[in-house]
Amino acid sequence: MHASYAEQGLRIMGFPCNQFGGQEPGTDAEIKEFAKGYNAEFDLFSKIDVNGDNAHPLWKWMKAQPKGKGTLGNNIKWNFTKFLINREGAVVKRYGPTDDPSVSDTRCACNISVHAVTVATFI
């Protein structure tokens, strides 16, 4: 999706997280090297927490937005949870780990092949 929509302003940002079954135990360098094997061309940030007291402020903010709230509580349930943020900085939609935004009615999608949670935004 990054390659298809980058010229229109789409930015996909991957945030590796090891809070889900220990699926992302590697260092930042190891994670980035792994992502290269999947031709990841999007921004991949350092590993963060997305739940709990040490959750990154961005994730706390996204989960608190009206369209960023989850079902059965607000915690991120598993890797590959995705948020779509519009050009104005508003959360437009939260996608669950198994949701495929590319087949939804939204005009863009985001997903990556490393164990991470992602944010897609138009800038």
PDB file of N, CA and C in Angstrom:
ATOM      1  N   MET A   1       0.825  -1.190   0.000  1.00  0.00           N
ATOM      2  CA  MET A   1       0.000   0.000   0.000  1.00  0.00           C
ATOM      3  C   MET A   1       0.869   1.254   0.000  1.00  0.00           C
ATOM      4  N   HIS A   2       1.995   1.173   0.669  1.00  0.00           N
ATOM      5  CA  HIS A   2       2.888   2.337   0.702  1.00  0.00           C
ATOM      6  C   HIS A   2       3.279   2.741  -0.711  1.00  0.00           C
ATOM      7  N   ALA A   3       3.705   1.785  -1.522  1.00  0.00           N
ATOM      8  CA  ALA A   3       4.136   2.088  -2.882  1.00  0.00           C
ATOM      9  C   ALA A   3       2.983   2.628  -3.731  1.00  0.00           C
ATOM     10  N   SER A   4       1.789   2.121  -3.509  1.00  0.00           N
ATOM     11  CA  SER A   4       0.640   2.532  -4.313  1.00  0.00           C
ATOM     12  C   SER A   4       0.146   3.940  -3.991  1.00  0.00           C
ATOM     13  N   TYR A   5       0.240   4.347  -2.721  1.00  0.00           N
ATOM     14  CA  TYR A   5      -0.373   5.593  -2.305  1.00  0.00           C
ATOM     15  C   TYR A   5       0.589   6.658  -1.785  1.00  0.00           C
ATOM     16  N   ALA A   6       1.870   6.381  -1.752  1.00  0.00           N
ATOM     17  CA  ALA A   6       2.835   7.337  -1.184  1.00  0.00           C
ATOM     18  C   ALA A   6       2.796   8.681  -1.908  1.00  0.00           C
ATOM     19  N   GLU A   7       2.661   8.665  -3.225  1.00  0.00           N
ATOM     20  CA  GLU A   7       2.636   9.925  -3.973  1.00  0.00           C
ATOM     21  C   GLU A   7       1.395  10.755  -3.660  1.00  0.00           C
ATOM     22  N   GLN A   8       0.356  10.133  -3.157  1.00  0.00           N
ATOM     23  CA  GLN A   8      -0.860  10.850  -2.777  1.00  0.00           C
ATOM     24  C   GLN A   8      -0.803  11.327  -1.329  1.00  0.00           C
ATOM     25  N   GLY A   9       0.298  11.035  -0.649  1.00  0.00           N
ATOM     26  CA  GLY A   9       0.470  11.511   0.714  1.00  0.00           C
ATOM     27  C   GLY A   9       0.335  10.462   1.794  1.00  0.00           C
ATOM     28  N   LEU A  10       0.090   9.215   1.431  1.00  0.00           N
ATOM     29  CA  LEU A  10      -0.039   8.174   2.445  1.00  0.00           C
ATOM     30  C   LEU A  10       1.319   7.875   3.063  1.00  0.00           C
ATOM     31  N   ARG A  11       1.353   7.805   4.363  1.00  0.00           N
ATOM     32  CA  ARG A  11       2.552   7.390   5.082  1.00  0.00           C
ATOM     33  C   ARG A  11       2.152   6.252   5.999  1.00  0.00           C
ATOM     34  N   ILE A  12       2.855   5.155   5.897  1.00  0.00           N
ATOM     35  CA  ILE A  12       2.626   4.024   6.789  1.00  0.00           C
ATOM     36  C   ILE A  12       3.771   4.004   7.777  1.00  0.00           C
ATOM     37  N   MET A  13       3.419   3.920   9.032  1.00  0.00           N
ATOM     38  CA  MET A  13       4.402   3.925  10.095  1.00  0.00           C
ATOM     39  C   MET A  13       4.224   2.667  10.922  1.00  0.00           C
ATOM     40  N   GLY A  14       5.260   1.857  10.980  1.00  0.00           N
ATOM     41  CA  GLY A  14       5.215   0.612  11.734  1.00  0.00           C
ATOM     42  C   GLY A  14       5.891   0.786  13.082  1.00  0.00           C
ATOM     43  N   PHE A  15       5.244   0.287  14.115  1.00  0.00           N
ATOM     44  CA  PHE A  15       5.769   0.347  15.476  1.00  0.00           C
ATOM     45  C   PHE A  15       5.846  -1.060  16.041  1.00  0.00           C
ATOM     46  N   PRO A  16       7.011  -1.686  15.964  1.00  0.00           N
ATOM     47  CA  PRO A  16       7.143  -3.027  16.533  1.00  0.00           C
ATOM     48  C   PRO A  16       6.798  -3.029  18.022  1.00  0.00           C
ATOM     49  N   CYS A  17       6.218  -4.133  18.466  1.00  0.00           N
ATOM     50  CA  CYS A  17       5.792  -4.258  19.854  1.00  0.00           C
ATOM     51  C   CYS A  17       5.926  -5.710  20.268  1.00  0.00           C
ATOM     52  N   ASN A  18       6.503  -5.931  21.429  1.00  0.00           N
ATOM     53  CA  ASN A  18       6.724  -7.295  21.910  1.00  0.00           C
ATOM     54  C   ASN A  18       5.733  -7.680  23.012  1.00  0.00           C
ATOM     55  N   GLN A  19       4.606  -6.990  23.097  1.00  0.00           N
ATOM     56  CA  GLN A  19       3.629  -7.263  24.145  1.00  0.00           C
ATOM     57  C   GLN A  19       2.654  -8.384  23.786  1.00  0.00           C
ATOM     58  N   PHE A  20       2.831  -9.013  22.657  1.00  0.00           N
ATOM     59  CA  PHE A  20       1.864  -9.998  22.189  1.00  0.00           C
ATOM     60  C   PHE A  20       2.546 -11.332  21.954  1.00  0.00           C
ATOM     61  N   GLY A  21       2.633 -12.118  22.979  1.00  0.00           N
ATOM     62  CA  GLY A  21       3.208 -13.442  22.864  1.00  0.00           C
ATOM     63  C   GLY A  21       4.702 -13.448  22.586  1.00  0.00           C
ATOM     64  N   GLY A  22       5.382 -12.344  22.853  1.00  0.00           N
ATOM     65  CA  GLY A  22       6.818 -12.287  22.627  1.00  0.00           C
ATOM     66  C   GLY A  22       7.220 -12.468  21.176  1.00  0.00           C
ATOM     67  N   GLN A  23       6.362 -12.031  20.245  1.00  0.00           N
ATOM     68  CA  GLN A  23       6.621 -12.237  18.829  1.00  0.00           C
ATOM     69  C   GLN A  23       7.665 -11.288  18.237  1.00  0.00           C
ATOM     70  N   GLU A  24       8.070 -10.286  18.973  1.00  0.00           N
ATOM     71  CA  GLU A  24       9.032  -9.315  18.450  1.00  0.00           C
ATOM     72  C   GLU A  24      10.166  -9.117  19.441  1.00  0.00           C
ATOM     73  N   PRO A  25      10.935 -10.175  19.722  1.00  0.00           N
ATOM     74  CA  PRO A  25      11.975 -10.072  20.744  1.00  0.00           C
ATOM     75  C   PRO A  25      13.256  -9.397  20.272  1.00  0.00           C
ATOM     76  N   GLY A  26      13.418  -9.214  18.968  1.00  0.00           N
ATOM     77  CA  GLY A  26      14.674  -8.713  18.424  1.00  0.00           C
ATOM     78  C   GLY A  26      14.961  -7.262  18.761  1.00  0.00           C
ATOM     79  N   THR A  27      16.181  -6.871  18.458  1.00  0.00           N
ATOM     80  CA  THR A  27      16.584  -5.466  18.600  1.00  0.00           C
ATOM     81  C   THR A  27      15.970  -4.673  17.454  1.00  0.00           C
ATOM     82  N   ASP A  28      16.033  -3.355  17.549  1.00  0.00           N
ATOM     83  CA  ASP A  28      15.524  -2.515  16.469  1.00  0.00           C
ATOM     84  C   ASP A  28      16.219  -2.851  15.151  1.00  0.00           C
ATOM     85  N   ALA A  29      17.534  -3.044  15.194  1.00  0.00           N
ATOM     86  CA  ALA A  29      18.292  -3.363  13.980  1.00  0.00           C
ATOM     87  C   ALA A  29      17.853  -4.711  13.395  1.00  0.00           C
ATOM     88  N   GLU A  30      17.630  -5.704  14.248  1.00  0.00           N
ATOM     89  CA  GLU A  30      17.185  -7.013  13.771  1.00  0.00           C
ATOM     90  C   GLU A  30      15.798  -6.939  13.157  1.00  0.00           C
ATOM     91  N   ILE A  31      14.937  -6.159  13.755  1.00  0.00           N
ATOM     92  CA  ILE A  31      13.577  -6.002  13.230  1.00  0.00           C
ATOM     93  C   ILE A  31      13.609  -5.328  11.865  1.00  0.00           C
ATOM     94  N   LYS A  32      14.402  -4.283  11.730  1.00  0.00           N
ATOM     95  CA  LYS A  32      14.503  -3.592  10.436  1.00  0.00           C
ATOM     96  C   LYS A  32      15.090  -4.508   9.367  1.00  0.00           C
ATOM     97  N   GLU A  33      16.059  -5.302   9.731  1.00  0.00           N
ATOM     98  CA  GLU A  33      16.650  -6.251   8.780  1.00  0.00           C
ATOM     99  C   GLU A  33      15.605  -7.279   8.350  1.00  0.00           C
ATOM    100  N   PHE A  34      14.822  -7.772   9.284  1.00  0.00           N
ATOM    101  CA  PHE A  34      13.749  -8.712   8.972  1.00  0.00           C
ATOM    102  C   PHE A  34      12.743  -8.083   8.008  1.00  0.00           C
ATOM    103  N   ALA A  35      12.371  -6.843   8.267  1.00  0.00           N
ATOM    104  CA  ALA A  35      11.385  -6.153   7.432  1.00  0.00           C
ATOM    105  C   ALA A  35      11.895  -5.973   6.004  1.00  0.00           C
ATOM    106  N   LYS A  36      13.194  -5.802   5.830  1.00  0.00           N
ATOM    107  CA  LYS A  36      13.766  -5.662   4.482  1.00  0.00           C
ATOM    108  C   LYS A  36      13.469  -6.891   3.638  1.00  0.00           C
ATOM    109  N   GLY A  37      13.391  -8.048   4.274  1.00  0.00           N
ATOM    110  CA  GLY A  37      13.079  -9.278   3.556  1.00  0.00           C
ATOM    111  C   GLY A  37      11.688  -9.274   2.946  1.00  0.00           C
ATOM    112  N   TYR A  38      10.849  -8.381   3.424  1.00  0.00           N
ATOM    113  CA  TYR A  38       9.488  -8.235   2.893  1.00  0.00           C
ATOM    114  C   TYR A  38       9.360  -6.963   2.067  1.00  0.00           C
ATOM    115  N   ASN A  39      10.496  -6.381   1.688  1.00  0.00           N
ATOM    116  CA  ASN A  39      10.520  -5.150   0.888  1.00  0.00           C
ATOM    117  C   ASN A  39       9.738  -4.020   1.534  1.00  0.00           C
ATOM    118  N   ALA A  40       9.817  -3.922   2.853  1.00  0.00           N
ATOM    119  CA  ALA A  40       9.122  -2.858   3.580  1.00  0.00           C
ATOM    120  C   ALA A  40       9.764  -1.520   3.232  1.00  0.00           C
ATOM    121  N   GLU A  41       8.976  -0.614   2.685  1.00  0.00           N
ATOM    122  CA  GLU A  41       9.469   0.700   2.272  1.00  0.00           C
ATOM    123  C   GLU A  41       8.882   1.819   3.122  1.00  0.00           C
ATOM    124  N   PHE A  42       8.202   1.477   4.164  1.00  0.00           N
ATOM    125  CA  PHE A  42       7.567   2.467   5.028  1.00  0.00           C
ATOM    126  C   PHE A  42       8.464   2.754   6.221  1.00  0.00           C
ATOM    127  N   ASP A  43       8.084   3.760   6.994  1.00  0.00           N
ATOM    128  CA  ASP A  43       8.840   4.114   8.186  1.00  0.00           C
ATOM    129  C   ASP A  43       8.615   3.069   9.265  1.00  0.00           C
ATOM    130  N   LEU A  44       9.706   2.543   9.794  1.00  0.00           N
ATOM    131  CA  LEU A  44       9.644   1.554  10.862  1.00  0.00           C
ATOM    132  C   LEU A  44      10.369   2.140  12.067  1.00  0.00           C
ATOM    133  N   PHE A  45       9.639   2.344  13.119  1.00  0.00           N
ATOM    134  CA  PHE A  45      10.159   3.008  14.311  1.00  0.00           C
ATOM    135  C   PHE A  45      10.687   1.997  15.314  1.00  0.00           C
ATOM    136  N   SER A  46      11.263   2.504  16.384  1.00  0.00           N
ATOM    137  CA  SER A  46      11.762   1.646  17.455  1.00  0.00           C
ATOM    138  C   SER A  46      10.613   0.931  18.140  1.00  0.00           C
ATOM    139  N   LYS A  47      10.921  -0.178  18.750  1.00  0.00           N
ATOM    140  CA  LYS A  47       9.940  -0.986  19.473  1.00  0.00           C
ATOM    141  C   LYS A  47       9.359  -0.171  20.629  1.00  0.00           C
ATOM    142  N   ILE A  48       8.044  -0.276  20.801  1.00  0.00           N
ATOM    143  CA  ILE A  48       7.339   0.459  21.855  1.00  0.00           C
ATOM    144  C   ILE A  48       6.349  -0.465  22.552  1.00  0.00           C
ATOM    145  N   ASP A  49       5.784   0.013  23.654  1.00  0.00           N
ATOM    146  CA  ASP A  49       4.619  -0.611  24.273  1.00  0.00           C
ATOM    147  C   ASP A  49       3.393   0.147  23.780  1.00  0.00           C
ATOM    148  N   VAL A  50       2.310  -0.576  23.558  1.00  0.00           N
ATOM    149  CA  VAL A  50       1.070   0.054  23.116  1.00  0.00           C
ATOM    150  C   VAL A  50      -0.042  -0.071  24.157  1.00  0.00           C
ATOM    151  N   ASN A  51       0.189  -0.860  25.177  1.00  0.00           N
ATOM    152  CA  ASN A  51      -0.769  -1.045  26.259  1.00  0.00           C
ATOM    153  C   ASN A  51      -0.074  -0.824  27.592  1.00  0.00           C
ATOM    154  N   GLY A  52      -0.877  -0.528  28.608  1.00  0.00           N
ATOM    155  CA  GLY A  52      -0.346  -0.423  29.964  1.00  0.00           C
ATOM    156  C   GLY A  52       0.238   0.937  30.294  1.00  0.00           C
ATOM    157  N   ASP A  53       0.830   1.021  31.474  1.00  0.00           N
ATOM    158  CA  ASP A  53       1.381   2.282  31.971  1.00  0.00           C
ATOM    159  C   ASP A  53       2.494   2.835  31.085  1.00  0.00           C
ATOM    160  N   ASN A  54       3.233   1.958  30.421  1.00  0.00           N
ATOM    161  CA  ASN A  54       4.353   2.402  29.591  1.00  0.00           C
ATOM    162  C   ASN A  54       3.987   2.563  28.124  1.00  0.00           C
ATOM    163  N   ALA A  55       2.686   2.566  27.822  1.00  0.00           N
ATOM    164  CA  ALA A  55       2.266   2.726  26.430  1.00  0.00           C
ATOM    165  C   ALA A  55       2.752   4.071  25.896  1.00  0.00           C
ATOM    166  N   HIS A  56       3.169   4.047  24.645  1.00  0.00           N
ATOM    167  CA  HIS A  56       3.638   5.260  23.973  1.00  0.00           C
ATOM    168  C   HIS A  56       2.489   6.282  23.933  1.00  0.00           C
ATOM    169  N   PRO A  57       2.790   7.567  24.123  1.00  0.00           N
ATOM    170  CA  PRO A  57       1.738   8.596  24.119  1.00  0.00           C
ATOM    171  C   PRO A  57       0.894   8.615  22.845  1.00  0.00           C
ATOM    172  N   LEU A  58       1.495   8.337  21.697  1.00  0.00           N
ATOM    173  CA  LEU A  58       0.722   8.311  20.458  1.00  0.00           C
ATOM    174  C   LEU A  58      -0.369   7.259  20.534  1.00  0.00           C
ATOM    175  N   TRP A  59      -0.032   6.099  21.063  1.00  0.00           N
ATOM    176  CA  TRP A  59      -1.010   5.013  21.149  1.00  0.00           C
ATOM    177  C   TRP A  59      -2.070   5.301  22.190  1.00  0.00           C
ATOM    178  N   LYS A  60      -1.692   5.924  23.276  1.00  0.00           N
ATOM    179  CA  LYS A  60      -2.696   6.334  24.267  1.00  0.00           C
ATOM    180  C   LYS A  60      -3.682   7.298  23.626  1.00  0.00           C
ATOM    181  N   TRP A  61      -3.162   8.253  22.858  1.00  0.00           N
ATOM    182  CA  TRP A  61      -4.010   9.251  22.212  1.00  0.00           C
ATOM    183  C   TRP A  61      -4.929   8.604  21.183  1.00  0.00           C
ATOM    184  N   MET A  62      -4.372   7.756  20.306  1.00  0.00           N
ATOM    185  CA  MET A  62      -5.195   7.142  19.259  1.00  0.00           C
ATOM    186  C   MET A  62      -6.319   6.311  19.859  1.00  0.00           C
ATOM    187  N   LYS A  63      -6.021   5.554  20.902  1.00  0.00           N
ATOM    188  CA  LYS A  63      -7.042   4.693  21.522  1.00  0.00           C
ATOM    189  C   LYS A  63      -8.121   5.501  22.219  1.00  0.00           C
ATOM    190  N   ALA A  64      -7.813   6.743  22.589  1.00  0.00           N
ATOM    191  CA  ALA A  64      -8.782   7.581  23.289  1.00  0.00           C
ATOM    192  C   ALA A  64      -9.704   8.339  22.342  1.00  0.00           C
ATOM    193  N   GLN A  65      -9.385   8.355  21.055  1.00  0.00           N
ATOM    194  CA  GLN A  65     -10.204   9.095  20.092  1.00  0.00           C
ATOM    195  C   GLN A  65     -11.513   8.360  19.820  1.00  0.00           C
ATOM    196  N   PRO A  66     -12.585   9.111  19.487  1.00  0.00           N
ATOM    197  CA  PRO A  66     -13.883   8.464  19.257  1.00  0.00           C
ATOM    198  C   PRO A  66     -13.837   7.310  18.253  1.00  0.00           C
ATOM    199  N   LYS A  67     -13.094   7.457  17.162  1.00  0.00           N
ATOM    200  CA  LYS A  67     -13.024   6.387  16.162  1.00  0.00           C
ATOM    201  C   LYS A  67     -11.801   5.492  16.363  1.00  0.00           C
ATOM    202  N   GLY A  68     -11.110   5.670  17.476  1.00  0.00           N
ATOM    203  CA  GLY A  68      -9.960   4.837  17.783  1.00  0.00           C
ATOM    204  C   GLY A  68     -10.237   3.829  18.876  1.00  0.00           C
ATOM    205  N   LYS A  69     -11.440   3.865  19.393  1.00  0.00           N
ATOM    206  CA  LYS A  69     -11.787   2.967  20.482  1.00  0.00           C
ATOM    207  C   LYS A  69     -11.983   1.545  19.966  1.00  0.00           C
ATOM    208  N   GLY A  70     -11.602   0.581  20.779  1.00  0.00           N
ATOM    209  CA  GLY A  70     -11.730  -0.819  20.401  1.00  0.00           C
ATOM    210  C   GLY A  70     -13.017  -1.426  20.913  1.00  0.00           C
ATOM    211  N   THR A  71     -13.235  -2.649  20.519  1.00  0.00           N
ATOM    212  CA  THR A  71     -14.375  -3.389  21.039  1.00  0.00           C
ATOM    213  C   THR A  71     -13.905  -4.189  22.246  1.00  0.00           C
ATOM    214  N   LEU A  72     -14.775  -4.398  23.174  1.00  0.00           N
ATOM    215  CA  LEU A  72     -14.455  -5.139  24.392  1.00  0.00           C
ATOM    216  C   LEU A  72     -13.255  -4.528  25.122  1.00  0.00           C
ATOM    217  N   GLY A  73     -13.264  -3.233  25.237  1.00  0.00           N
ATOM    218  CA  GLY A  73     -12.168  -2.525  25.890  1.00  0.00           C
ATOM    219  C   GLY A  73     -11.278  -1.852  24.872  1.00  0.00           C
ATOM    220  N   ASN A  74     -10.403  -1.008  25.377  1.00  0.00           N
ATOM    221  CA  ASN A  74      -9.605  -0.195  24.472  1.00  0.00           C
ATOM    222  C   ASN A  74      -8.196  -0.705  24.235  1.00  0.00           C
ATOM    223  N   ASN A  75      -7.781  -1.738  24.943  1.00  0.00           N
ATOM    224  CA  ASN A  75      -6.432  -2.239  24.732  1.00  0.00           C
ATOM    225  C   ASN A  75      -6.265  -2.764  23.312  1.00  0.00           C
ATOM    226  N   ILE A  76      -5.036  -2.669  22.814  1.00  0.00           N
ATOM    227  CA  ILE A  76      -4.697  -3.308  21.551  1.00  0.00           C
ATOM    228  C   ILE A  76      -4.686  -4.805  21.850  1.00  0.00           C
ATOM    229  N   LYS A  77      -5.428  -5.573  21.070  1.00  0.00           N
ATOM    230  CA  LYS A  77      -5.596  -6.995  21.370  1.00  0.00           C
ATOM    231  C   LYS A  77      -4.451  -7.848  20.840  1.00  0.00           C
ATOM    232  N   TRP A  78      -3.876  -7.465  19.713  1.00  0.00           N
ATOM    233  CA  TRP A  78      -2.830  -8.273  19.095  1.00  0.00           C
ATOM    234  C   TRP A  78      -2.090  -7.424  18.080  1.00  0.00           C
ATOM    235  N   ASN A  79      -0.946  -7.927  17.651  1.00  0.00           N
ATOM    236  CA  ASN A  79      -0.191  -7.239  16.611  1.00  0.00           C
ATOM    237  C   ASN A  79      -1.044  -7.049  15.368  1.00  0.00           C
ATOM    238  N   PHE A  80      -0.628  -6.133  14.555  1.00  0.00           N
ATOM    239  CA  PHE A  80      -1.276  -5.782  13.294  1.00  0.00           C
ATOM    240  C   PHE A  80      -2.559  -4.989  13.479  1.00  0.00           C
ATOM    241  N   THR A  81      -2.800  -4.436  14.651  1.00  0.00           N
ATOM    242  CA  THR A  81      -3.871  -3.463  14.797  1.00  0.00           C
ATOM    243  C   THR A  81      -3.443  -2.221  14.036  1.00  0.00           C
ATOM    244  N   LYS A  82      -4.372  -1.615  13.319  1.00  0.00           N
ATOM    245  CA  LYS A  82      -4.043  -0.497  12.454  1.00  0.00           C
ATOM    246  C   LYS A  82      -4.967   0.684  12.729  1.00  0.00           C
ATOM    247  N   PHE A  83      -4.426   1.880  12.612  1.00  0.00           N
ATOM    248  CA  PHE A  83      -5.207   3.101  12.735  1.00  0.00           C
ATOM    249  C   PHE A  83      -5.035   3.906  11.459  1.00  0.00           C
ATOM    250  N   LEU A  84      -6.116   4.462  10.953  1.00  0.00           N
ATOM    251  CA  LEU A  84      -6.059   5.369   9.813  1.00  0.00           C
ATOM    252  C   LEU A  84      -6.296   6.778  10.339  1.00  0.00           C
ATOM    253  N   ILE A  85      -5.369   7.668  10.026  1.00  0.00           N
ATOM    254  CA  ILE A  85      -5.449   9.063  10.466  1.00  0.00           C
ATOM    255  C   ILE A  85      -5.483   9.936   9.224  1.00  0.00           C
ATOM    256  N   ASN A  86      -6.427  10.878   9.165  1.00  0.00           N
ATOM    257  CA  ASN A  86      -6.533  11.717   7.972  1.00  0.00           C
ATOM    258  C   ASN A  86      -5.533  12.875   8.012  1.00  0.00           C
ATOM    259  N   ARG A  87      -5.550  13.677   6.972  1.00  0.00           N
ATOM    260  CA  ARG A  87      -4.612  14.803   6.851  1.00  0.00           C
ATOM    261  C   ARG A  87      -4.784  15.827   7.967  1.00  0.00           C
ATOM    262  N   GLU A  88      -5.959  15.894   8.522  1.00  0.00           N
ATOM    263  CA  GLU A  88      -6.226  16.851   9.602  1.00  0.00           C
ATOM    264  C   GLU A  88      -5.779  16.316  10.959  1.00  0.00           C
ATOM    265  N   GLY A  89      -5.307  15.104  11.002  1.00  0.00           N
ATOM    266  CA  GLY A  89      -4.810  14.522  12.244  1.00  0.00           C
ATOM    267  C   GLY A  89      -5.863  13.805  13.064  1.00  0.00           C
ATOM    268  N   ALA A  90      -7.017  13.538  12.483  1.00  0.00           N
ATOM    269  CA  ALA A  90      -8.084  12.839  13.204  1.00  0.00           C
ATOM    270  C   ALA A  90      -8.034  11.344  12.902  1.00  0.00           C
ATOM    271  N   VAL A  91      -8.266  10.538  13.927  1.00  0.00           N
ATOM    272  CA  VAL A  91      -8.384   9.100  13.718  1.00  0.00           C
ATOM    273  C   VAL A  91      -9.689   8.853  12.977  1.00  0.00           C
ATOM    274  N   VAL A  92      -9.592   8.216  11.820  1.00  0.00           N
ATOM    275  CA  VAL A  92     -10.746   7.939  10.976  1.00  0.00           C
ATOM    276  C   VAL A  92     -11.305   6.554  11.262  1.00  0.00           C
ATOM    277  N   LYS A  93     -10.398   5.605  11.522  1.00  0.00           N
ATOM    278  CA  LYS A  93     -10.858   4.244  11.744  1.00  0.00           C
ATOM    279  C   LYS A  93      -9.761   3.439  12.432  1.00  0.00           C
ATOM    280  N   ARG A  94     -10.192   2.492  13.237  1.00  0.00           N
ATOM    281  CA  ARG A  94      -9.296   1.517  13.851  1.00  0.00           C
ATOM    282  C   ARG A  94      -9.627   0.160  13.248  1.00  0.00           C
ATOM    283  N   TYR A  95      -8.601  -0.531  12.793  1.00  0.00           N
ATOM    284  CA  TYR A  95      -8.768  -1.852  12.201  1.00  0.00           C
ATOM    285  C   TYR A  95      -8.199  -2.903  13.138  1.00  0.00           C
ATOM    286  N   GLY A  96      -8.898  -3.989  13.305  1.00  0.00           N
ATOM    287  CA  GLY A  96      -8.416  -5.094  14.118  1.00  0.00           C
ATOM    288  C   GLY A  96      -7.290  -5.834  13.411  1.00  0.00           C
ATOM    289  N   PRO A  97      -6.631  -6.724  14.125  1.00  0.00           N
ATOM    290  CA  PRO A  97      -5.489  -7.440  13.560  1.00  0.00           C
ATOM    291  C   PRO A  97      -5.798  -8.219  12.284  1.00  0.00           C
ATOM    292  N   THR A  98      -6.995  -8.766  12.168  1.00  0.00           N
ATOM    293  CA  THR A  98      -7.313  -9.557  10.980  1.00  0.00           C
ATOM    294  C   THR A  98      -8.049  -8.758   9.918  1.00  0.00           C
ATOM    295  N   ASP A  99      -8.390  -7.501  10.194  1.00  0.00           N
ATOM    296  CA  ASP A  99      -9.073  -6.656   9.214  1.00  0.00           C
ATOM    297  C   ASP A  99      -8.113  -6.288   8.093  1.00  0.00           C
ATOM    298  N   ASP A 100      -8.598  -6.322   6.876  1.00  0.00           N
ATOM    299  CA  ASP A 100      -7.803  -5.931   5.714  1.00  0.00           C
ATOM    300  C   ASP A 100      -8.351  -4.614   5.182  1.00  0.00           C
ATOM    301  N   PRO A 101      -7.704  -3.513   5.514  1.00  0.00           N
ATOM    302  CA  PRO A 101      -8.205  -2.209   5.054  1.00  0.00           C
ATOM    303  C   PRO A 101      -8.264  -2.076   3.548  1.00  0.00           C
ATOM    304  N   SER A 102      -7.489  -2.865   2.811  1.00  0.00           N
ATOM    305  CA  SER A 102      -7.478  -2.733   1.355  1.00  0.00           C
ATOM    306  C   SER A 102      -8.787  -3.185   0.723  1.00  0.00           C
ATOM    307  N   VAL A 103      -9.615  -3.924   1.451  1.00  0.00           N
ATOM    308  CA  VAL A 103     -10.895  -4.343   0.903  1.00  0.00           C
ATOM    309  C   VAL A 103     -12.058  -3.593   1.547  1.00  0.00           C
ATOM    310  N   SER A 104     -11.743  -2.580   2.327  1.00  0.00           N
ATOM    311  CA  SER A 104     -12.802  -1.800   2.974  1.00  0.00           C
ATOM    312  C   SER A 104     -13.187  -0.629   2.094  1.00  0.00           C
ATOM    313  N   ASP A 105     -14.129   0.163   2.567  1.00  0.00           N
ATOM    314  CA  ASP A 105     -14.565   1.331   1.817  1.00  0.00           C
ATOM    315  C   ASP A 105     -13.653   2.531   2.059  1.00  0.00           C
ATOM    316  N   THR A 106     -12.612   2.364   2.839  1.00  0.00           N
ATOM    317  CA  THR A 106     -11.673   3.445   3.091  1.00  0.00           C
ATOM    318  C   THR A 106     -10.748   3.561   1.887  1.00  0.00           C
ATOM    319  N   ARG A 107     -10.281   4.768   1.605  1.00  0.00           N
ATOM    320  CA  ARG A 107      -9.503   4.981   0.392  1.00  0.00           C
ATOM    321  C   ARG A 107      -8.050   4.567   0.488  1.00  0.00           C
ATOM    322  N   CYS A 108      -7.611   4.026   1.599  1.00  0.00           N
ATOM    323  CA  CYS A 108      -6.248   3.525   1.675  1.00  0.00           C
ATOM    324  C   CYS A 108      -6.200   2.399   2.680  1.00  0.00           C
ATOM    325  N   ALA A 109      -5.074   1.744   2.753  1.00  0.00           N
ATOM    326  CA  ALA A 109      -4.937   0.622   3.669  1.00  0.00           C
ATOM    327  C   ALA A 109      -3.541   0.604   4.251  1.00  0.00           C
ATOM    328  N   CYS A 110      -3.388  -0.164   5.282  1.00  0.00           N
ATOM    329  CA  CYS A 110      -2.065  -0.319   5.869  1.00  0.00           C
ATOM    330  C   CYS A 110      -1.965  -1.696   6.483  1.00  0.00           C
ATOM    331  N   ASN A 111      -0.861  -2.339   6.237  1.00  0.00           N
ATOM    332  CA  ASN A 111      -0.558  -3.622   6.857  1.00  0.00           C
ATOM    333  C   ASN A 111       0.906  -3.893   6.583  1.00  0.00           C
ATOM    334  N   ILE A 112       1.555  -4.613   7.442  1.00  0.00           N
ATOM    335  CA  ILE A 112       2.960  -4.915   7.244  1.00  0.00           C
ATOM    336  C   ILE A 112       3.231  -6.349   7.608  1.00  0.00           C
ATOM    337  N   SER A 113       4.383  -6.834   7.229  1.00  0.00           N
ATOM    338  CA  SER A 113       4.707  -8.235   7.414  1.00  0.00           C
ATOM    339  C   SER A 113       5.625  -8.491   8.598  1.00  0.00           C
ATOM    340  N   VAL A 114       5.791  -7.550   9.469  1.00  0.00           N
ATOM    341  CA  VAL A 114       6.506  -7.802  10.713  1.00  0.00           C
ATOM    342  C   VAL A 114       5.477  -7.726  11.829  1.00  0.00           C
ATOM    343  N   HIS A 115       5.816  -8.266  12.969  1.00  0.00           N
ATOM    344  CA  HIS A 115       4.877  -8.255  14.087  1.00  0.00           C
ATOM    345  C   HIS A 115       4.878  -6.868  14.698  1.00  0.00           C
ATOM    346  N   ALA A 116       3.993  -6.027  14.229  1.00  0.00           N
ATOM    347  CA  ALA A 116       3.942  -4.645  14.697  1.00  0.00           C
ATOM    348  C   ALA A 116       2.526  -4.129  14.560  1.00  0.00           C
ATOM    349  N   VAL A 117       2.285  -3.059  15.239  1.00  0.00           N
ATOM    350  CA  VAL A 117       1.036  -2.340  15.052  1.00  0.00           C
ATOM    351  C   VAL A 117       1.366  -1.134  14.179  1.00  0.00           C
ATOM    352  N   THR A 118       0.418  -0.700  13.376  1.00  0.00           N
ATOM    353  CA  THR A 118       0.728   0.292  12.362  1.00  0.00           C
ATOM    354  C   THR A 118      -0.203   1.475  12.408  1.00  0.00           C
ATOM    355  N   VAL A 119       0.286   2.559  11.870  1.00  0.00           N
ATOM    356  CA  VAL A 119      -0.508   3.767  11.690  1.00  0.00           C
ATOM    357  C   VAL A 119      -0.371   4.174  10.241  1.00  0.00           C
ATOM    358  N   ALA A 120      -1.462   4.500   9.602  1.00  0.00           N
ATOM    359  CA  ALA A 120      -1.402   5.057   8.261  1.00  0.00           C
ATOM    360  C   ALA A 120      -1.972   6.461   8.340  1.00  0.00           C
ATOM    361  N   THR A 121      -1.296   7.377   7.713  1.00  0.00           N
ATOM    362  CA  THR A 121      -1.755   8.756   7.744  1.00  0.00           C
ATOM    363  C   THR A 121      -1.512   9.429   6.411  1.00  0.00           C
ATOM    364  N   PHE A 122      -2.361  10.333   6.052  1.00  0.00           N
ATOM    365  CA  PHE A 122      -2.135  11.173   4.872  1.00  0.00           C
ATOM    366  C   PHE A 122      -1.536  12.475   5.342  1.00  0.00           C
ATOM    367  N   ILE A 123      -0.431  12.883   4.719  1.00  0.00           N
ATOM    368  CA  ILE A 123       0.181  14.172   5.092  1.00  0.00           C
ATOM    369  C   ILE A 123       0.165  15.096   3.904  1.00  0.00           C
TER     370      ILE A 123
END
